Amino acid sequence: MQLSFTIQILQLYFNIIKNGKGKGEINTLKKQIKFIFRTIVYLPSSLKVGEFILKHKELKDNIFNYPMLVSKVHRPYLIKGLNSHEKAESIIESYNFIDDFFPAKLSHELYEKGKLLLSSFSVKDDSFFKIYLCIYTNFDKEGEINIKLADSYENIIGTLTFGIIKQKEKKTILIGGLQGASKELNEEYIKNCTKNMYGLFPKKLLFEVLCFLEKTLKTNFMKAATGNFTHIYTSERYTSRRKILSDYDSFWKSLNAFQEKNKLWYFTESIKRKSLEEIPSKKRNQYQKRYRLLDNIERDILNKFKGEDNENTYNTF
């Protein structure tokens, strides 16, 4: 890297310190000293991320609304045990995923607004839900991209966070976290949401949406997920302050994932559906409506990336 370009990157970081607003803003002397020190410690990786941002037509301006991005190589990120070089590579690959597979109009909207509406759907009680794809993520340590399920009041019912990582030269969609509902929503409300979606659990729906997205984009990437022993909150930095509240291992196992020696979970295929013959007769109607709901969400996502209007928006099943 030429000295002149290195200076441009450092100037970018100085401008982010000075003008960055929002999540991860470096707005106190203590934060600024820490950021400068850590940037020096992890200089090669910091320069790599900075170079990518400077050359990126969208991020070079939008970075000032998401200064957190330049600090991610300084902390545990995506899964436990990544070194700073691997973190930088994952961050870059995650935005390359958007640039390479999304239509230009959608990628521009995503970078500008931070979210895309993938689907809106009405359920049993005539309430409706929305599924968003987001960047500039809430759960910033767990990846670069969120898939969110929200109700009609924009309350978040669940969030799946993922990034892209290379494993043995194979690109992998790696789920770094799967979060439940906002604290404001009680357990009874979530039970009602599940009931109104014909017994479809919100977290399972989010994974289905990820599979639909990967299928629509035809990425041919592997899919993997963090587990109880690889989540970033098992890193030494967080063990005394943060705890994993979910049993990731049991959930992924319920989706027929298998665990490798590295303690990550891998998915060989999308979720298999039961045939109607396998389902007790009294539950068949519910399953048919559930499958119809999933089919329409998948169609919404396909239409979104084809540039067509979503015909199924607000349909009741």
C-alpha atoms as a PDB file:
ATOM      1  CA  MET A   1       0.000   0.000   0.000  1.00  0.00           C
ATOM      2  CA  GLN A   2       1.390   3.391  -0.993  1.00  0.00           C
ATOM      3  CA  LEU A   3       2.171   5.880   1.749  1.00  0.00           C
ATOM      4  CA  SER A   4      -0.168   8.475   0.226  1.00  0.00           C
ATOM      5  CA  PHE A   5      -3.114   6.060   0.379  1.00  0.00           C
ATOM      6  CA  THR A   6      -2.248   5.056   3.955  1.00  0.00           C
ATOM      7  CA  ILE A   7      -2.427   8.742   4.858  1.00  0.00           C
ATOM      8  CA  GLN A   8      -5.866   8.965   3.202  1.00  0.00           C
ATOM      9  CA  ILE A   9      -7.097   6.055   5.326  1.00  0.00           C
ATOM     10  CA  LEU A  10      -5.782   7.612   8.524  1.00  0.00           C
ATOM     11  CA  GLN A  11      -7.429  10.882   7.488  1.00  0.00           C
ATOM     12  CA  LEU A  12     -10.703   8.978   7.048  1.00  0.00           C
ATOM     13  CA  TYR A  13     -10.367   7.626  10.591  1.00  0.00           C
ATOM     14  CA  PHE A  14      -9.660  11.108  11.912  1.00  0.00           C
ATOM     15  CA  ASN A  15     -12.808  12.383  10.155  1.00  0.00           C
ATOM     16  CA  ILE A  16     -14.852   9.531  11.634  1.00  0.00           C
ATOM     17  CA  ILE A  17     -13.592  10.438  15.111  1.00  0.00           C
ATOM     18  CA  LYS A  18     -14.571  14.047  14.469  1.00  0.00           C
ATOM     19  CA  ASN A  19     -17.833  13.676  12.538  1.00  0.00           C
ATOM     20  CA  GLY A  20     -19.152  10.144  13.084  1.00  0.00           C
ATOM     21  CA  LYS A  21     -22.594  10.060  14.701  1.00  0.00           C
ATOM     22  CA  GLY A  22     -24.709   7.144  15.841  1.00  0.00           C
ATOM     23  CA  LYS A  23     -23.757   3.649  16.911  1.00  0.00           C
ATOM     24  CA  GLY A  24     -20.093   3.451  17.870  1.00  0.00           C
ATOM     25  CA  GLU A  25     -19.411   7.180  17.766  1.00  0.00           C
ATOM     26  CA  ILE A  26     -16.003   8.064  19.187  1.00  0.00           C
ATOM     27  CA  ASN A  27     -17.138  11.191  20.984  1.00  0.00           C
ATOM     28  CA  THR A  28     -15.148  11.317  24.227  1.00  0.00           C
ATOM     29  CA  LEU A  29     -11.443  11.703  24.892  1.00  0.00           C
ATOM     30  CA  LYS A  30     -11.333   8.271  26.547  1.00  0.00           C
ATOM     31  CA  LYS A  31     -12.948   6.610  23.515  1.00  0.00           C
ATOM     32  CA  GLN A  32     -10.652   8.475  21.144  1.00  0.00           C
ATOM     33  CA  ILE A  33      -7.506   7.385  22.992  1.00  0.00           C
ATOM     34  CA  LYS A  34      -8.703   3.760  23.045  1.00  0.00           C
ATOM     35  CA  PHE A  35      -9.581   3.853  19.347  1.00  0.00           C
ATOM     36  CA  ILE A  36      -6.228   5.309  18.312  1.00  0.00           C
ATOM     37  CA  PHE A  37      -4.309   2.825  20.479  1.00  0.00           C
ATOM     38  CA  ARG A  38      -6.250  -0.173  19.171  1.00  0.00           C
ATOM     39  CA  THR A  39      -5.943   1.012  15.578  1.00  0.00           C
ATOM     40  CA  ILE A  40      -2.165   1.069  16.014  1.00  0.00           C
ATOM     41  CA  VAL A  41      -2.155  -2.393  17.646  1.00  0.00           C
ATOM     42  CA  TYR A  42      -4.270  -3.836  14.822  1.00  0.00           C
ATOM     43  CA  LEU A  43      -2.875  -1.545  12.131  1.00  0.00           C
ATOM     44  CA  PRO A  44      -2.763  -3.975   9.132  1.00  0.00           C
ATOM     45  CA  SER A  45      -6.389  -5.039   9.653  1.00  0.00           C
ATOM     46  CA  SER A  46      -7.515  -1.485  10.397  1.00  0.00           C
ATOM     47  CA  LEU A  47      -5.888  -0.278   7.177  1.00  0.00           C
ATOM     48  CA  LYS A  48      -7.497  -3.121   5.223  1.00  0.00           C
ATOM     49  CA  VAL A  49     -10.989  -2.169   6.396  1.00  0.00           C
ATOM     50  CA  GLY A  50     -10.248   1.526   5.877  1.00  0.00           C
ATOM     51  CA  GLU A  51      -9.041   0.899   2.324  1.00  0.00           C
ATOM     52  CA  PHE A  52     -12.215  -1.028   1.536  1.00  0.00           C
ATOM     53  CA  ILE A  53     -14.415   1.783   2.900  1.00  0.00           C
ATOM     54  CA  LEU A  54     -12.537   4.479   0.979  1.00  0.00           C
ATOM     55  CA  LYS A  55     -12.920   2.605  -2.307  1.00  0.00           C
ATOM     56  CA  HIS A  56     -16.587   1.748  -1.697  1.00  0.00           C
ATOM     57  CA  LYS A  57     -18.955   4.183  -3.416  1.00  0.00           C
ATOM     58  CA  GLU A  58     -21.661   3.753  -0.750  1.00  0.00           C
ATOM     59  CA  LEU A  59     -19.771   3.176   2.504  1.00  0.00           C
ATOM     60  CA  LYS A  60     -17.304   6.032   2.067  1.00  0.00           C
ATOM     61  CA  ASP A  61     -20.139   8.473   2.837  1.00  0.00           C
ATOM     62  CA  ASN A  62     -22.492   6.355   4.945  1.00  0.00           C
ATOM     63  CA  ILE A  63     -19.702   5.313   7.327  1.00  0.00           C
ATOM     64  CA  PHE A  64     -20.229   8.591   9.209  1.00  0.00           C
ATOM     65  CA  ASN A  65     -23.656   7.311  10.285  1.00  0.00           C
ATOM     66  CA  TYR A  66     -22.205   3.972  11.428  1.00  0.00           C
ATOM     67  CA  PRO A  67     -18.760   4.634  12.949  1.00  0.00           C
ATOM     68  CA  MET A  68     -18.971   1.278  14.752  1.00  0.00           C
ATOM     69  CA  LEU A  69     -17.755  -0.409  11.563  1.00  0.00           C
ATOM     70  CA  VAL A  70     -14.158   0.788  11.938  1.00  0.00           C
ATOM     71  CA  SER A  71     -13.915  -0.557  15.504  1.00  0.00           C
ATOM     72  CA  LYS A  72     -15.039  -4.114  14.818  1.00  0.00           C
ATOM     73  CA  VAL A  73     -11.571  -5.537  14.196  1.00  0.00           C
ATOM     74  CA  HIS A  74     -10.589  -4.329  17.691  1.00  0.00           C
ATOM     75  CA  ARG A  75     -13.060  -6.598  19.524  1.00  0.00           C
ATOM     76  CA  PRO A  76     -14.476 -10.146  19.427  1.00  0.00           C
ATOM     77  CA  TYR A  77     -16.553 -10.403  16.275  1.00  0.00           C
ATOM     78  CA  LEU A  78     -18.881 -12.931  14.610  1.00  0.00           C
ATOM     79  CA  ILE A  79     -17.564 -15.992  16.479  1.00  0.00           C
ATOM     80  CA  LYS A  80     -15.104 -16.637  19.276  1.00  0.00           C
ATOM     81  CA  GLY A  81     -11.466 -16.898  18.261  1.00  0.00           C
ATOM     82  CA  LEU A  82     -11.248 -14.955  14.988  1.00  0.00           C
ATOM     83  CA  ASN A  83      -8.017 -12.998  14.635  1.00  0.00           C
ATOM     84  CA  SER A  84      -8.046  -9.400  13.410  1.00  0.00           C
ATOM     85  CA  HIS A  85      -7.203 -10.414   9.830  1.00  0.00           C
ATOM     86  CA  GLU A  86     -10.129 -12.868   9.730  1.00  0.00           C
ATOM     87  CA  LYS A  87     -12.458 -10.222  11.169  1.00  0.00           C
ATOM     88  CA  ALA A  88     -11.434  -7.740   8.474  1.00  0.00           C
ATOM     89  CA  GLU A  89     -11.916 -10.376   5.772  1.00  0.00           C
ATOM     90  CA  SER A  90     -15.387 -11.240   7.076  1.00  0.00           C
ATOM     91  CA  ILE A  91     -16.473  -7.592   7.207  1.00  0.00           C
ATOM     92  CA  ILE A  92     -15.330  -7.044   3.624  1.00  0.00           C
ATOM     93  CA  GLU A  93     -16.858 -10.294   2.354  1.00  0.00           C
ATOM     94  CA  SER A  94     -20.194  -9.383   3.963  1.00  0.00           C
ATOM     95  CA  TYR A  95     -20.451  -6.136   2.000  1.00  0.00           C
ATOM     96  CA  ASN A  96     -19.144  -7.870  -1.127  1.00  0.00           C
ATOM     97  CA  PHE A  97     -22.073 -10.261  -0.696  1.00  0.00           C
ATOM     98  CA  ILE A  98     -24.453  -7.310  -1.051  1.00  0.00           C
ATOM     99  CA  ASP A  99     -22.501  -5.758  -3.925  1.00  0.00           C
ATOM    100  CA  ASP A 100     -22.155  -9.009  -5.878  1.00  0.00           C
ATOM    101  CA  PHE A 101     -25.629 -10.514  -5.480  1.00  0.00           C
ATOM    102  CA  PHE A 102     -28.088  -7.637  -4.972  1.00  0.00           C
ATOM    103  CA  PRO A 103     -29.511  -5.617  -7.889  1.00  0.00           C
ATOM    104  CA  ALA A 104     -27.944  -2.140  -7.929  1.00  0.00           C
ATOM    105  CA  LYS A 105     -31.230  -0.426  -7.050  1.00  0.00           C
ATOM    106  CA  LEU A 106     -31.749  -2.601  -3.969  1.00  0.00           C
ATOM    107  CA  SER A 107     -28.165  -2.380  -2.764  1.00  0.00           C
ATOM    108  CA  HIS A 108     -28.280   1.422  -3.047  1.00  0.00           C
ATOM    109  CA  GLU A 109     -31.525   1.517  -1.055  1.00  0.00           C
ATOM    110  CA  LEU A 110     -30.021  -0.779   1.570  1.00  0.00           C
ATOM    111  CA  TYR A 111     -26.882   1.345   1.989  1.00  0.00           C
ATOM    112  CA  GLU A 112     -28.895   4.579   2.111  1.00  0.00           C
ATOM    113  CA  LYS A 113     -31.747   3.505   4.399  1.00  0.00           C
ATOM    114  CA  GLY A 114     -30.081   0.642   6.245  1.00  0.00           C
ATOM    115  CA  LYS A 115     -32.982  -1.721   5.564  1.00  0.00           C
ATOM    116  CA  LEU A 116     -35.097  -3.400   2.894  1.00  0.00           C
ATOM    117  CA  LEU A 117     -38.643  -4.628   3.378  1.00  0.00           C
ATOM    118  CA  LEU A 118     -38.615  -8.225   2.142  1.00  0.00           C
ATOM    119  CA  SER A 119     -42.189  -9.200   2.974  1.00  0.00           C
ATOM    120  CA  SER A 120     -45.370  -8.085   4.724  1.00  0.00           C
ATOM    121  CA  PHE A 121     -47.988 -10.648   5.577  1.00  0.00           C
ATOM    122  CA  SER A 122     -51.268 -10.892   7.419  1.00  0.00           C
ATOM    123  CA  VAL A 123     -51.985 -13.785   9.786  1.00  0.00           C
ATOM    124  CA  LYS A 124     -54.812 -15.577  11.574  1.00  0.00           C
ATOM    125  CA  ASP A 125     -56.104 -12.647  13.670  1.00  0.00           C
ATOM    126  CA  ASP A 126     -55.730 -10.143  10.771  1.00  0.00           C
ATOM    127  CA  SER A 127     -52.670  -8.530  12.345  1.00  0.00           C
ATOM    128  CA  PHE A 128     -49.660  -8.277  10.086  1.00  0.00           C
ATOM    129  CA  PHE A 129     -45.930  -8.699  10.299  1.00  0.00           C
ATOM    130  CA  LYS A 130     -42.946  -7.448   8.346  1.00  0.00           C
ATOM    131  CA  ILE A 131     -39.614  -9.012   7.502  1.00  0.00           C
ATOM    132  CA  TYR A 132     -36.664  -6.681   7.007  1.00  0.00           C
ATOM    133  CA  LEU A 133     -33.123  -7.161   5.788  1.00  0.00           C
ATOM    134  CA  CYS A 134     -30.883  -4.645   7.565  1.00  0.00           C
ATOM    135  CA  ILE A 135     -27.290  -3.477   7.686  1.00  0.00           C
ATOM    136  CA  TYR A 136     -25.665  -1.091  10.208  1.00  0.00           C
ATOM    137  CA  THR A 137     -26.807  -3.784  12.596  1.00  0.00           C
ATOM    138  CA  ASN A 138     -28.189  -3.633  16.130  1.00  0.00           C
ATOM    139  CA  PHE A 139     -26.245  -6.733  17.175  1.00  0.00           C
ATOM    140  CA  ASP A 140     -23.055  -5.391  15.662  1.00  0.00           C
ATOM    141  CA  LYS A 141     -20.701  -7.950  17.218  1.00  0.00           C
ATOM    142  CA  GLU A 142     -22.574 -10.880  15.648  1.00  0.00           C
ATOM    143  CA  GLY A 143     -22.258  -9.938  11.976  1.00  0.00           C
ATOM    144  CA  GLU A 144     -22.984  -7.278   9.361  1.00  0.00           C
ATOM    145  CA  ILE A 145     -26.490  -8.236   8.245  1.00  0.00           C
ATOM    146  CA  ASN A 146     -29.755  -8.627  10.186  1.00  0.00           C
ATOM    147  CA  ILE A 147     -32.971 -10.347   9.214  1.00  0.00           C
ATOM    148  CA  LYS A 148     -35.706  -8.943  11.470  1.00  0.00           C
ATOM    149  CA  LEU A 149     -39.291  -9.930  12.135  1.00  0.00           C
ATOM    150  CA  ALA A 150     -41.437  -6.995  13.288  1.00  0.00           C
ATOM    151  CA  ASP A 151     -45.099  -6.540  14.123  1.00  0.00           C
ATOM    152  CA  SER A 152     -47.317  -3.779  12.724  1.00  0.00           C
ATOM    153  CA  TYR A 153     -46.073  -1.416  15.459  1.00  0.00           C
ATOM    154  CA  GLU A 154     -42.444  -2.094  14.479  1.00  0.00           C
ATOM    155  CA  ASN A 155     -41.817  -4.062  17.672  1.00  0.00           C
ATOM    156  CA  ILE A 156     -39.020  -6.527  16.952  1.00  0.00           C
ATOM    157  CA  ILE A 157     -40.132 -10.136  17.460  1.00  0.00           C
ATOM    158  CA  GLY A 158     -36.788 -11.699  16.520  1.00  0.00           C
ATOM    159  CA  THR A 159     -33.454 -10.959  14.855  1.00  0.00           C
ATOM    160  CA  LEU A 160     -31.056 -13.240  13.006  1.00  0.00           C
ATOM    161  CA  THR A 161     -27.585 -11.783  12.430  1.00  0.00           C
ATOM    162  CA  PHE A 162     -25.063 -13.166   9.969  1.00  0.00           C
ATOM    163  CA  GLY A 163     -21.870 -12.404   8.120  1.00  0.00           C
ATOM    164  CA  ILE A 164     -19.841 -13.996   5.352  1.00  0.00           C
ATOM    165  CA  ILE A 165     -16.625 -15.840   6.100  1.00  0.00           C
ATOM    166  CA  LYS A 166     -14.220 -17.966   4.097  1.00  0.00           C
ATOM    167  CA  GLN A 167     -13.570 -21.465   5.404  1.00  0.00           C
ATOM    168  CA  LYS A 168     -11.134 -23.597   3.435  1.00  0.00           C
ATOM    169  CA  GLU A 169     -11.586 -21.209   0.482  1.00  0.00           C
ATOM    170  CA  LYS A 170     -15.354 -21.808   0.575  1.00  0.00           C
ATOM    171  CA  LYS A 171     -17.576 -18.822   1.296  1.00  0.00           C
ATOM    172  CA  THR A 172     -19.966 -19.462   4.159  1.00  0.00           C
ATOM    173  CA  ILE A 173     -23.022 -17.633   5.456  1.00  0.00           C
ATOM    174  CA  LEU A 174     -22.292 -17.729   9.178  1.00  0.00           C
ATOM    175  CA  ILE A 175     -25.039 -16.948  11.676  1.00  0.00           C
ATOM    176  CA  GLY A 176     -23.414 -15.124  14.577  1.00  0.00           C
ATOM    177  CA  GLY A 177     -26.543 -14.626  16.655  1.00  0.00           C
ATOM    178  CA  LEU A 178     -30.261 -15.305  16.920  1.00  0.00           C
ATOM    179  CA  GLN A 179     -32.105 -13.002  19.289  1.00  0.00           C
ATOM    180  CA  GLY A 180     -35.638 -13.079  20.594  1.00  0.00           C
ATOM    181  CA  ALA A 181     -38.146 -10.286  21.070  1.00  0.00           C
ATOM    182  CA  SER A 182     -37.603  -6.818  22.466  1.00  0.00           C
ATOM    183  CA  LYS A 183     -37.626  -6.625  26.262  1.00  0.00           C
ATOM    184  CA  GLU A 184     -40.859  -4.628  26.133  1.00  0.00           C
ATOM    185  CA  LEU A 185     -42.766  -7.640  24.799  1.00  0.00           C
ATOM    186  CA  ASN A 186     -43.857 -10.299  27.265  1.00  0.00           C
ATOM    187  CA  GLU A 187     -43.819 -14.051  26.761  1.00  0.00           C
ATOM    188  CA  GLU A 188     -47.582 -14.223  26.276  1.00  0.00           C
ATOM    189  CA  TYR A 189     -47.360 -11.818  23.341  1.00  0.00           C
ATOM    190  CA  ILE A 190     -44.759 -14.008  21.623  1.00  0.00           C
ATOM    191  CA  LYS A 191     -46.924 -17.084  22.193  1.00  0.00           C
ATOM    192  CA  ASN A 192     -49.809 -15.300  20.494  1.00  0.00           C
ATOM    193  CA  CYS A 193     -47.549 -14.356  17.570  1.00  0.00           C
ATOM    194  CA  THR A 194     -46.584 -18.007  17.164  1.00  0.00           C
ATOM    195  CA  LYS A 195     -50.220 -19.100  17.388  1.00  0.00           C
ATOM    196  CA  ASN A 196     -51.283 -16.543  14.779  1.00  0.00           C
ATOM    197  CA  MET A 197     -48.546 -17.767  12.428  1.00  0.00           C
ATOM    198  CA  TYR A 198     -50.053 -21.254  12.593  1.00  0.00           C
ATOM    199  CA  GLY A 199     -47.523 -22.546  15.111  1.00  0.00           C
ATOM    200  CA  LEU A 200     -44.476 -21.204  13.274  1.00  0.00           C
ATOM    201  CA  PHE A 201     -41.844 -20.086  15.805  1.00  0.00           C
ATOM    202  CA  PRO A 202     -40.363 -16.634  15.023  1.00  0.00           C
ATOM    203  CA  LYS A 203     -36.754 -17.858  15.218  1.00  0.00           C
ATOM    204  CA  LYS A 204     -37.495 -20.749  12.897  1.00  0.00           C
ATOM    205  CA  LEU A 205     -39.185 -18.354  10.479  1.00  0.00           C
ATOM    206  CA  LEU A 206     -36.060 -16.172  10.432  1.00  0.00           C
ATOM    207  CA  PHE A 207     -33.919 -19.154   9.482  1.00  0.00           C
ATOM    208  CA  GLU A 208     -36.428 -20.065   6.760  1.00  0.00           C
ATOM    209  CA  VAL A 209     -36.123 -16.514   5.409  1.00  0.00           C
ATOM    210  CA  LEU A 210     -32.332 -16.825   5.314  1.00  0.00           C
ATOM    211  CA  CYS A 211     -32.721 -20.037   3.283  1.00  0.00           C
ATOM    212  CA  PHE A 212     -35.178 -18.297   0.935  1.00  0.00           C
ATOM    213  CA  LEU A 213     -32.736 -15.411   0.483  1.00  0.00           C
ATOM    214  CA  GLU A 214     -29.806 -17.711  -0.277  1.00  0.00           C
ATOM    215  CA  LYS A 215     -31.959 -19.678  -2.728  1.00  0.00           C
ATOM    216  CA  THR A 216     -33.190 -16.510  -4.455  1.00  0.00           C
ATOM    217  CA  LEU A 217     -29.679 -15.097  -4.840  1.00  0.00           C
ATOM    218  CA  LYS A 218     -28.247 -18.476  -5.959  1.00  0.00           C
ATOM    219  CA  THR A 219     -25.070 -17.931  -3.959  1.00  0.00           C
ATOM    220  CA  ASN A 220     -24.136 -21.598  -3.560  1.00  0.00           C
ATOM    221  CA  PHE A 221     -22.597 -20.660  -0.195  1.00  0.00           C
ATOM    222  CA  MET A 222     -22.408 -23.026   2.754  1.00  0.00           C
ATOM    223  CA  LYS A 223     -24.565 -22.165   5.771  1.00  0.00           C
ATOM    224  CA  ALA A 224     -23.227 -22.420   9.311  1.00  0.00           C
ATOM    225  CA  ALA A 225     -24.037 -21.066  12.767  1.00  0.00           C
ATOM    226  CA  THR A 226     -22.361 -20.292  16.045  1.00  0.00           C
ATOM    227  CA  GLY A 227     -23.009 -22.586  19.003  1.00  0.00           C
ATOM    228  CA  ASN A 228     -22.957 -22.466  22.783  1.00  0.00           C
ATOM    229  CA  PHE A 229     -19.143 -22.641  22.842  1.00  0.00           C
ATOM    230  CA  THR A 230     -18.357 -20.353  19.896  1.00  0.00           C
ATOM    231  CA  HIS A 231     -20.660 -17.375  20.441  1.00  0.00           C
ATOM    232  CA  ILE A 232     -18.709 -14.150  20.884  1.00  0.00           C
ATOM    233  CA  TYR A 233     -19.977 -13.771  24.450  1.00  0.00           C
ATOM    234  CA  THR A 234     -17.934 -16.834  25.396  1.00  0.00           C
ATOM    235  CA  SER A 235     -14.803 -14.777  24.603  1.00  0.00           C
ATOM    236  CA  GLU A 236     -12.692 -13.784  27.616  1.00  0.00           C
ATOM    237  CA  ARG A 237     -13.583 -10.131  27.089  1.00  0.00           C
ATOM    238  CA  TYR A 238     -17.248 -10.785  27.858  1.00  0.00           C
ATOM    239  CA  THR A 239     -17.495 -13.833  30.120  1.00  0.00           C
ATOM    240  CA  SER A 240     -17.748 -11.759  33.299  1.00  0.00           C
ATOM    241  CA  ARG A 241     -20.256  -9.239  31.861  1.00  0.00           C
ATOM    242  CA  ARG A 242     -22.373 -11.010  29.247  1.00  0.00           C
ATOM    243  CA  LYS A 243     -24.159 -14.327  29.191  1.00  0.00           C
ATOM    244  CA  ILE A 244     -25.712 -16.379  26.419  1.00  0.00           C
ATOM    245  CA  LEU A 245     -29.409 -16.639  27.196  1.00  0.00           C
ATOM    246  CA  SER A 246     -30.269 -19.054  24.371  1.00  0.00           C
ATOM    247  CA  ASP A 247     -29.395 -22.706  23.906  1.00  0.00           C
ATOM    248  CA  TYR A 248     -28.047 -22.389  20.379  1.00  0.00           C
ATOM    249  CA  ASP A 249     -26.895 -26.003  20.154  1.00  0.00           C
ATOM    250  CA  SER A 250     -30.333 -27.459  20.853  1.00  0.00           C
ATOM    251  CA  PHE A 251     -32.023 -25.104  18.415  1.00  0.00           C
ATOM    252  CA  TRP A 252     -29.667 -25.842  15.521  1.00  0.00           C
ATOM    253  CA  LYS A 253     -29.911 -29.549  16.249  1.00  0.00           C
ATOM    254  CA  SER A 254     -33.697 -29.282  15.974  1.00  0.00           C
ATOM    255  CA  LEU A 255     -33.163 -27.976  12.421  1.00  0.00           C
ATOM    256  CA  ASN A 256     -31.078 -31.065  11.535  1.00  0.00           C
ATOM    257  CA  ALA A 257     -27.762 -29.211  11.592  1.00  0.00           C
ATOM    258  CA  PHE A 258     -24.606 -31.122  12.483  1.00  0.00           C
ATOM    259  CA  GLN A 259     -21.702 -29.948  14.621  1.00  0.00           C
ATOM    260  CA  GLU A 260     -18.087 -30.127  13.478  1.00  0.00           C
ATOM    261  CA  LYS A 261     -14.933 -30.311  15.596  1.00  0.00           C
ATOM    262  CA  ASN A 262     -14.696 -26.512  15.489  1.00  0.00           C
ATOM    263  CA  LYS A 263     -18.012 -26.448  17.451  1.00  0.00           C
ATOM    264  CA  LEU A 264     -19.828 -24.641  14.636  1.00  0.00           C
ATOM    265  CA  TRP A 265     -23.090 -26.001  13.277  1.00  0.00           C
ATOM    266  CA  TYR A 266     -23.535 -26.700   9.562  1.00  0.00           C
ATOM    267  CA  PHE A 267     -26.658 -27.051   7.450  1.00  0.00           C
ATOM    268  CA  THR A 268     -26.686 -29.383   4.480  1.00  0.00           C
ATOM    269  CA  GLU A 269     -30.093 -28.290   3.218  1.00  0.00           C
ATOM    270  CA  SER A 270     -33.112 -26.120   3.905  1.00  0.00           C
ATOM    271  CA  ILE A 271     -35.690 -27.207   6.465  1.00  0.00           C
ATOM    272  CA  LYS A 272     -37.538 -30.283   5.280  1.00  0.00           C
ATOM    273  CA  ARG A 273     -41.300 -30.091   5.405  1.00  0.00           C
ATOM    274  CA  LYS A 274     -43.435 -32.933   6.634  1.00  0.00           C
ATOM    275  CA  SER A 275     -45.724 -34.448   4.050  1.00  0.00           C
ATOM    276  CA  LEU A 276     -49.426 -34.204   4.840  1.00  0.00           C
ATOM    277  CA  GLU A 277     -49.492 -37.978   5.290  1.00  0.00           C
ATOM    278  CA  GLU A 278     -47.037 -37.636   8.194  1.00  0.00           C
ATOM    279  CA  ILE A 279     -49.217 -35.080   9.981  1.00  0.00           C
ATOM    280  CA  PRO A 280     -52.164 -36.090  12.209  1.00  0.00           C
ATOM    281  CA  SER A 281     -55.424 -35.284  10.424  1.00  0.00           C
ATOM    282  CA  LYS A 282     -56.549 -32.743  13.041  1.00  0.00           C
ATOM    283  CA  LYS A 283     -53.382 -30.673  12.447  1.00  0.00           C
ATOM    284  CA  ARG A 284     -53.256 -30.834   8.650  1.00  0.00           C
ATOM    285  CA  ASN A 285     -55.226 -27.657   8.097  1.00  0.00           C
ATOM    286  CA  GLN A 286     -52.850 -25.692  10.342  1.00  0.00           C
ATOM    287  CA  TYR A 287     -49.786 -27.082   8.550  1.00  0.00           C
ATOM    288  CA  GLN A 288     -51.275 -26.305   5.136  1.00  0.00           C
ATOM    289  CA  LYS A 289     -51.787 -22.685   6.175  1.00  0.00           C
ATOM    290  CA  ARG A 290     -48.266 -22.548   7.620  1.00  0.00           C
ATOM    291  CA  TYR A 291     -46.746 -23.877   4.412  1.00  0.00           C
ATOM    292  CA  ARG A 292     -48.844 -21.459   2.347  1.00  0.00           C
ATOM    293  CA  LEU A 293     -47.575 -18.600   4.513  1.00  0.00           C
ATOM    294  CA  LEU A 294     -43.962 -19.685   3.969  1.00  0.00           C
ATOM    295  CA  ASP A 295     -44.518 -20.101   0.226  1.00  0.00           C
ATOM    296  CA  ASN A 296     -45.872 -16.576  -0.037  1.00  0.00           C
ATOM    297  CA  ILE A 297     -42.990 -15.116   1.961  1.00  0.00           C
ATOM    298  CA  GLU A 298     -40.571 -16.907  -0.353  1.00  0.00           C
ATOM    299  CA  ARG A 299     -42.444 -15.522  -3.358  1.00  0.00           C
ATOM    300  CA  ASP A 300     -42.279 -12.011  -1.876  1.00  0.00           C
ATOM    301  CA  ILE A 301     -38.507 -12.299  -1.542  1.00  0.00           C
ATOM    302  CA  LEU A 302     -38.135 -13.634  -5.074  1.00  0.00           C
ATOM    303  CA  ASN A 303     -40.278 -10.803  -6.454  1.00  0.00           C
ATOM    304  CA  LYS A 304     -38.326  -8.239  -4.451  1.00  0.00           C
ATOM    305  CA  PHE A 305     -35.093  -9.225  -6.123  1.00  0.00           C
ATOM    306  CA  LYS A 306     -36.766  -9.457  -9.528  1.00  0.00           C
ATOM    307  CA  GLY A 307     -37.997  -5.902  -9.107  1.00  0.00           C
ATOM    308  CA  GLU A 308     -41.674  -6.899  -9.043  1.00  0.00           C
ATOM    309  CA  ASP A 309     -44.350  -5.805  -6.588  1.00  0.00           C
ATOM    310  CA  ASN A 310     -45.175  -8.299  -3.871  1.00  0.00           C
ATOM    311  CA  GLU A 311     -48.654  -9.518  -4.746  1.00  0.00           C
ATOM    312  CA  ASN A 312     -49.114 -11.313  -1.434  1.00  0.00           C
ATOM    313  CA  THR A 313     -48.626  -8.331   0.843  1.00  0.00           C
ATOM    314  CA  TYR A 314     -51.310  -8.283   3.544  1.00  0.00           C
ATOM    315  CA  ASN A 315     -52.967 -11.463   2.303  1.00  0.00           C
ATOM    316  CA  THR A 316     -54.811 -13.385   5.009  1.00  0.00           C
ATOM    317  CA  PHE A 317     -54.617 -17.159   5.029  1.00  0.00           C
END
